[in-house]
Amino acid sequence: MPGSDDDPVSRGEQIDAAEREEVKRRLLVQAEAERIPVQETTGAVPDRRWRGEP
């Protein structure tokens, strides 16, 4: 194709890169929405069986 060698990145590659960035952004937004704060995951719950309580 004449002229296509002058472009360092083809239009198709630009579209693919833009789509990848959009998917990455959506995944990050979803991951942040589903994130559980560390305070909610590290709290120890006492196990009464070991203290001899009924």
PDB file of N, CA and C in Angstrom:
ATOM      1  N   MET A   1       0.832  -1.180   0.000  1.00  0.00           N
ATOM      2  CA  MET A   1       0.000   0.000   0.000  1.00  0.00           C
ATOM      3  C   MET A   1       0.878   1.246   0.000  1.00  0.00           C
ATOM      4  N   PRO A   2       0.639   2.126  -0.856  1.00  0.00           N
ATOM      5  CA  PRO A   2       1.435   3.347  -0.864  1.00  0.00           C
ATOM      6  C   PRO A   2       1.092   4.222   0.341  1.00  0.00           C
ATOM      7  N   GLY A   3       2.132   4.728   1.002  1.00  0.00           N
ATOM      8  CA  GLY A   3       1.913   5.637   2.125  1.00  0.00           C
ATOM      9  C   GLY A   3       1.803   4.947   3.473  1.00  0.00           C
ATOM     10  N   SER A   4       1.508   3.654   3.501  1.00  0.00           N
ATOM     11  CA  SER A   4       1.329   2.987   4.782  1.00  0.00           C
ATOM     12  C   SER A   4       2.658   2.772   5.491  1.00  0.00           C
ATOM     13  N   ASP A   5       3.769   2.744   4.769  1.00  0.00           N
ATOM     14  CA  ASP A   5       5.075   2.581   5.394  1.00  0.00           C
ATOM     15  C   ASP A   5       5.511   3.846   6.137  1.00  0.00           C
ATOM     16  N   ASP A   6       4.908   4.973   5.812  1.00  0.00           N
ATOM     17  CA  ASP A   6       5.275   6.224   6.463  1.00  0.00           C
ATOM     18  C   ASP A   6       4.716   6.301   7.884  1.00  0.00           C
ATOM     19  N   ASP A   7       3.608   5.604   8.145  1.00  0.00           N
ATOM     20  CA  ASP A   7       2.988   5.641   9.469  1.00  0.00           C
ATOM     21  C   ASP A   7       3.733   4.694  10.411  1.00  0.00           C
ATOM     22  N   PRO A   8       4.209   5.215  11.563  1.00  0.00           N
ATOM     23  CA  PRO A   8       4.898   4.329  12.495  1.00  0.00           C
ATOM     24  C   PRO A   8       3.935   3.319  13.136  1.00  0.00           C
ATOM     25  N   VAL A   9       2.684   3.698  13.298  1.00  0.00           N
ATOM     26  CA  VAL A   9       1.672   2.812  13.873  1.00  0.00           C
ATOM     27  C   VAL A   9       0.437   2.880  12.979  1.00  0.00           C
ATOM     28  N   SER A  10      -0.045   1.713  12.567  1.00  0.00           N
ATOM     29  CA  SER A  10      -1.204   1.705  11.680  1.00  0.00           C
ATOM     30  C   SER A  10      -2.478   2.083  12.446  1.00  0.00           C
ATOM     31  N   ARG A  11      -3.483   2.435  11.702  1.00  0.00           N
ATOM     32  CA  ARG A  11      -4.767   2.823  12.310  1.00  0.00           C
ATOM     33  C   ARG A  11      -5.349   1.655  13.105  1.00  0.00           C
ATOM     34  N   GLY A  12      -5.237   0.438  12.567  1.00  0.00           N
ATOM     35  CA  GLY A  12      -5.740  -0.735  13.278  1.00  0.00           C
ATOM     36  C   GLY A  12      -5.040  -0.940  14.614  1.00  0.00           C
ATOM     37  N   GLU A  13      -3.705  -0.719  14.635  1.00  0.00           N
ATOM     38  CA  GLU A  13      -2.954  -0.847  15.885  1.00  0.00           C
ATOM     39  C   GLU A  13      -3.367   0.224  16.886  1.00  0.00           C
ATOM     40  N   GLN A  14      -3.659   1.425  16.378  1.00  0.00           N
ATOM     41  CA  GLN A  14      -4.111   2.503  17.265  1.00  0.00           C
ATOM     42  C   GLN A  14      -5.458   2.137  17.889  1.00  0.00           C
ATOM     43  N   ILE A  15      -6.352   1.573  17.088  1.00  0.00           N
ATOM     44  CA  ILE A  15      -7.663   1.173  17.587  1.00  0.00           C
ATOM     45  C   ILE A  15      -7.515   0.057  18.621  1.00  0.00           C
ATOM     46  N   ASP A  16      -6.651  -0.936  18.328  1.00  0.00           N
ATOM     47  CA  ASP A  16      -6.411  -2.029  19.272  1.00  0.00           C
ATOM     48  C   ASP A  16      -5.869  -1.499  20.591  1.00  0.00           C
ATOM     49  N   ALA A  17      -4.929  -0.568  20.518  1.00  0.00           N
ATOM     50  CA  ALA A  17      -4.344   0.001  21.738  1.00  0.00           C
ATOM     51  C   ALA A  17      -5.407   0.759  22.538  1.00  0.00           C
ATOM     52  N   ALA A  18      -6.255   1.505  21.853  1.00  0.00           N
ATOM     53  CA  ALA A  18      -7.312   2.248  22.538  1.00  0.00           C
ATOM     54  C   ALA A  18      -8.302   1.289  23.200  1.00  0.00           C
ATOM     55  N   GLU A  19      -8.626   0.204  22.514  1.00  0.00           N
ATOM     56  CA  GLU A  19      -9.546  -0.779  23.097  1.00  0.00           C
ATOM     57  C   GLU A  19      -8.925  -1.452  24.313  1.00  0.00           C
ATOM     58  N   ARG A  20      -7.634  -1.774  24.242  1.00  0.00           N
ATOM     59  CA  ARG A  20      -6.951  -2.382  25.391  1.00  0.00           C
ATOM     60  C   ARG A  20      -6.946  -1.438  26.584  1.00  0.00           C
ATOM     61  N   GLU A  21      -6.692  -0.164  26.340  1.00  0.00           N
ATOM     62  CA  GLU A  21      -6.694   0.820  27.428  1.00  0.00           C
ATOM     63  C   GLU A  21      -8.084   0.942  28.047  1.00  0.00           C
ATOM     64  N   GLU A  22      -9.123   0.917  27.227  1.00  0.00           N
ATOM     65  CA  GLU A  22     -10.495   1.002  27.739  1.00  0.00           C
ATOM     66  C   GLU A  22     -10.833  -0.219  28.589  1.00  0.00           C
ATOM     67  N   VAL A  23     -10.445  -1.402  28.138  1.00  0.00           N
ATOM     68  CA  VAL A  23     -10.692  -2.626  28.910  1.00  0.00           C
ATOM     69  C   VAL A  23      -9.934  -2.566  30.225  1.00  0.00           C
ATOM     70  N   LYS A  24      -8.687  -2.111  30.178  1.00  0.00           N
ATOM     71  CA  LYS A  24      -7.884  -2.000  31.398  1.00  0.00           C
ATOM     72  C   LYS A  24      -8.551  -1.036  32.391  1.00  0.00           C
ATOM     73  N   ARG A  25      -9.043   0.091  31.887  1.00  0.00           N
ATOM     74  CA  ARG A  25      -9.690   1.078  32.751  1.00  0.00           C
ATOM     75  C   ARG A  25     -10.948   0.493  33.394  1.00  0.00           C
ATOM     76  N   ARG A  26     -11.752  -0.225  32.588  1.00  0.00           N
ATOM     77  CA  ARG A  26     -12.972  -0.833  33.138  1.00  0.00           C
ATOM     78  C   ARG A  26     -12.652  -1.884  34.189  1.00  0.00           C
ATOM     79  N   LEU A  27     -11.611  -2.687  33.958  1.00  0.00           N
ATOM     80  CA  LEU A  27     -11.219  -3.701  34.939  1.00  0.00           C
ATOM     81  C   LEU A  27     -10.760  -3.056  36.244  1.00  0.00           C
ATOM     82  N   LEU A  28      -9.998  -1.976  36.138  1.00  0.00           N
ATOM     83  CA  LEU A  28      -9.554  -1.290  37.343  1.00  0.00           C
ATOM     84  C   LEU A  28     -10.721  -0.695  38.118  1.00  0.00           C
ATOM     85  N   VAL A  29     -11.691  -0.126  37.413  1.00  0.00           N
ATOM     86  CA  VAL A  29     -12.874   0.423  38.068  1.00  0.00           C
ATOM     87  C   VAL A  29     -13.660  -0.695  38.759  1.00  0.00           C
ATOM     88  N   GLN A  30     -13.824  -1.830  38.084  1.00  0.00           N
ATOM     89  CA  GLN A  30     -14.547  -2.961  38.659  1.00  0.00           C
ATOM     90  C   GLN A  30     -13.806  -3.518  39.873  1.00  0.00           C
ATOM     91  N   ALA A  31     -12.495  -3.651  39.770  1.00  0.00           N
ATOM     92  CA  ALA A  31     -11.705  -4.176  40.886  1.00  0.00           C
ATOM     93  C   ALA A  31     -11.795  -3.256  42.096  1.00  0.00           C
ATOM     94  N   GLU A  32     -11.761  -1.965  41.866  1.00  0.00           N
ATOM     95  CA  GLU A  32     -11.868  -1.019  42.970  1.00  0.00           C
ATOM     96  C   GLU A  32     -13.248  -1.102  43.615  1.00  0.00           C
ATOM     97  N   ALA A  33     -14.292  -1.294  42.811  1.00  0.00           N
ATOM     98  CA  ALA A  33     -15.648  -1.397  43.351  1.00  0.00           C
ATOM     99  C   ALA A  33     -15.822  -2.661  44.189  1.00  0.00           C
ATOM    100  N   GLU A  34     -15.098  -3.740  43.837  1.00  0.00           N
ATOM    101  CA  GLU A  34     -15.233  -5.005  44.553  1.00  0.00           C
ATOM    102  C   GLU A  34     -14.204  -5.172  45.667  1.00  0.00           C
ATOM    103  N   ARG A  35     -13.330  -4.192  45.828  1.00  0.00           N
ATOM    104  CA  ARG A  35     -12.250  -4.292  46.811  1.00  0.00           C
ATOM    105  C   ARG A  35     -12.809  -4.321  48.228  1.00  0.00           C
ATOM    106  N   ILE A  36     -12.223  -5.155  49.064  1.00  0.00           N
ATOM    107  CA  ILE A  36     -12.604  -5.236  50.467  1.00  0.00           C
ATOM    108  C   ILE A  36     -11.516  -4.522  51.262  1.00  0.00           C
ATOM    109  N   PRO A  37     -11.890  -3.523  52.057  1.00  0.00           N
ATOM    110  CA  PRO A  37     -10.874  -2.809  52.844  1.00  0.00           C
ATOM    111  C   PRO A  37     -10.119  -3.762  53.759  1.00  0.00           C
ATOM    112  N   VAL A  38      -8.831  -3.522  53.927  1.00  0.00           N
ATOM    113  CA  VAL A  38      -7.984  -4.414  54.709  1.00  0.00           C
ATOM    114  C   VAL A  38      -8.472  -4.534  56.148  1.00  0.00           C
ATOM    115  N   GLN A  39      -9.074  -3.487  56.698  1.00  0.00           N
ATOM    116  CA  GLN A  39      -9.563  -3.539  58.070  1.00  0.00           C
ATOM    117  C   GLN A  39     -10.638  -4.606  58.229  1.00  0.00           C
ATOM    118  N   GLU A  40     -11.381  -4.881  57.159  1.00  0.00           N
ATOM    119  CA  GLU A  40     -12.453  -5.870  57.228  1.00  0.00           C
ATOM    120  C   GLU A  40     -11.942  -7.292  57.052  1.00  0.00           C
ATOM    121  N   THR A  41     -10.717  -7.461  56.594  1.00  0.00           N
ATOM    122  CA  THR A  41     -10.207  -8.803  56.329  1.00  0.00           C
ATOM    123  C   THR A  41      -9.213  -9.289  57.372  1.00  0.00           C
ATOM    124  N   THR A  42      -8.677  -8.384  58.200  1.00  0.00           N
ATOM    125  CA  THR A  42      -7.627  -8.778  59.127  1.00  0.00           C
ATOM    126  C   THR A  42      -8.082  -8.836  60.576  1.00  0.00           C
ATOM    127  N   GLY A  43      -9.326  -8.513  60.853  1.00  0.00           N
ATOM    128  CA  GLY A  43      -9.794  -8.543  62.232  1.00  0.00           C
ATOM    129  C   GLY A  43      -9.906  -9.962  62.754  1.00  0.00           C
ATOM    130  N   ALA A  44      -9.264 -10.223  63.884  1.00  0.00           N
ATOM    131  CA  ALA A  44      -9.317 -11.560  64.469  1.00  0.00           C
ATOM    132  C   ALA A  44     -10.638 -11.744  65.199  1.00  0.00           C
ATOM    133  N   VAL A  45     -11.232 -12.894  65.023  1.00  0.00           N
ATOM    134  CA  VAL A  45     -12.475 -13.233  65.708  1.00  0.00           C
ATOM    135  C   VAL A  45     -12.121 -14.266  66.772  1.00  0.00           C
ATOM    136  N   PRO A  46     -12.412 -13.982  68.030  1.00  0.00           N
ATOM    137  CA  PRO A  46     -12.053 -14.935  69.078  1.00  0.00           C
ATOM    138  C   PRO A  46     -12.799 -16.254  68.909  1.00  0.00           C
ATOM    139  N   ASP A  47     -12.087 -17.312  69.137  1.00  0.00           N
ATOM    140  CA  ASP A  47     -12.676 -18.635  69.057  1.00  0.00           C
ATOM    141  C   ASP A  47     -12.898 -19.139  70.477  1.00  0.00           C
ATOM    142  N   ARG A  48     -14.140 -19.157  70.902  1.00  0.00           N
ATOM    143  CA  ARG A  48     -14.466 -19.483  72.300  1.00  0.00           C
ATOM    144  C   ARG A  48     -14.175 -20.927  72.654  1.00  0.00           C
ATOM    145  N   ARG A  49     -14.033 -21.800  71.655  1.00  0.00           N
ATOM    146  CA  ARG A  49     -13.770 -23.197  71.957  1.00  0.00           C
ATOM    147  C   ARG A  49     -12.455 -23.356  72.719  1.00  0.00           C
ATOM    148  N   TRP A  50     -11.480 -22.536  72.448  1.00  0.00           N
ATOM    149  CA  TRP A  50     -10.166 -22.679  73.053  1.00  0.00           C
ATOM    150  C   TRP A  50     -10.089 -22.080  74.452  1.00  0.00           C
ATOM    151  N   ARG A  51     -11.076 -21.268  74.811  1.00  0.00           N
ATOM    152  CA  ARG A  51     -11.055 -20.655  76.134  1.00  0.00           C
ATOM    153  C   ARG A  51     -11.884 -21.448  77.134  1.00  0.00           C
ATOM    154  N   GLY A  52     -12.466 -22.542  76.726  1.00  0.00           N
ATOM    155  CA  GLY A  52     -13.246 -23.381  77.636  1.00  0.00           C
ATOM    156  C   GLY A  52     -14.633 -22.862  77.907  1.00  0.00           C
ATOM    157  N   GLU A  53     -15.085 -21.869  77.124  1.00  0.00           N
ATOM    158  CA  GLU A  53     -16.446 -21.343  77.315  1.00  0.00           C
ATOM    159  C   GLU A  53     -17.420 -22.149  76.482  1.00  0.00           C
ATOM    160  N   PRO A  54     -18.630 -22.343  76.968  1.00  0.00           N
ATOM    161  CA  PRO A  54     -19.634 -23.111  76.200  1.00  0.00           C
ATOM    162  C   PRO A  54     -20.135 -22.383  74.983  1.00  0.00           C
TER     163      PRO A  54
END
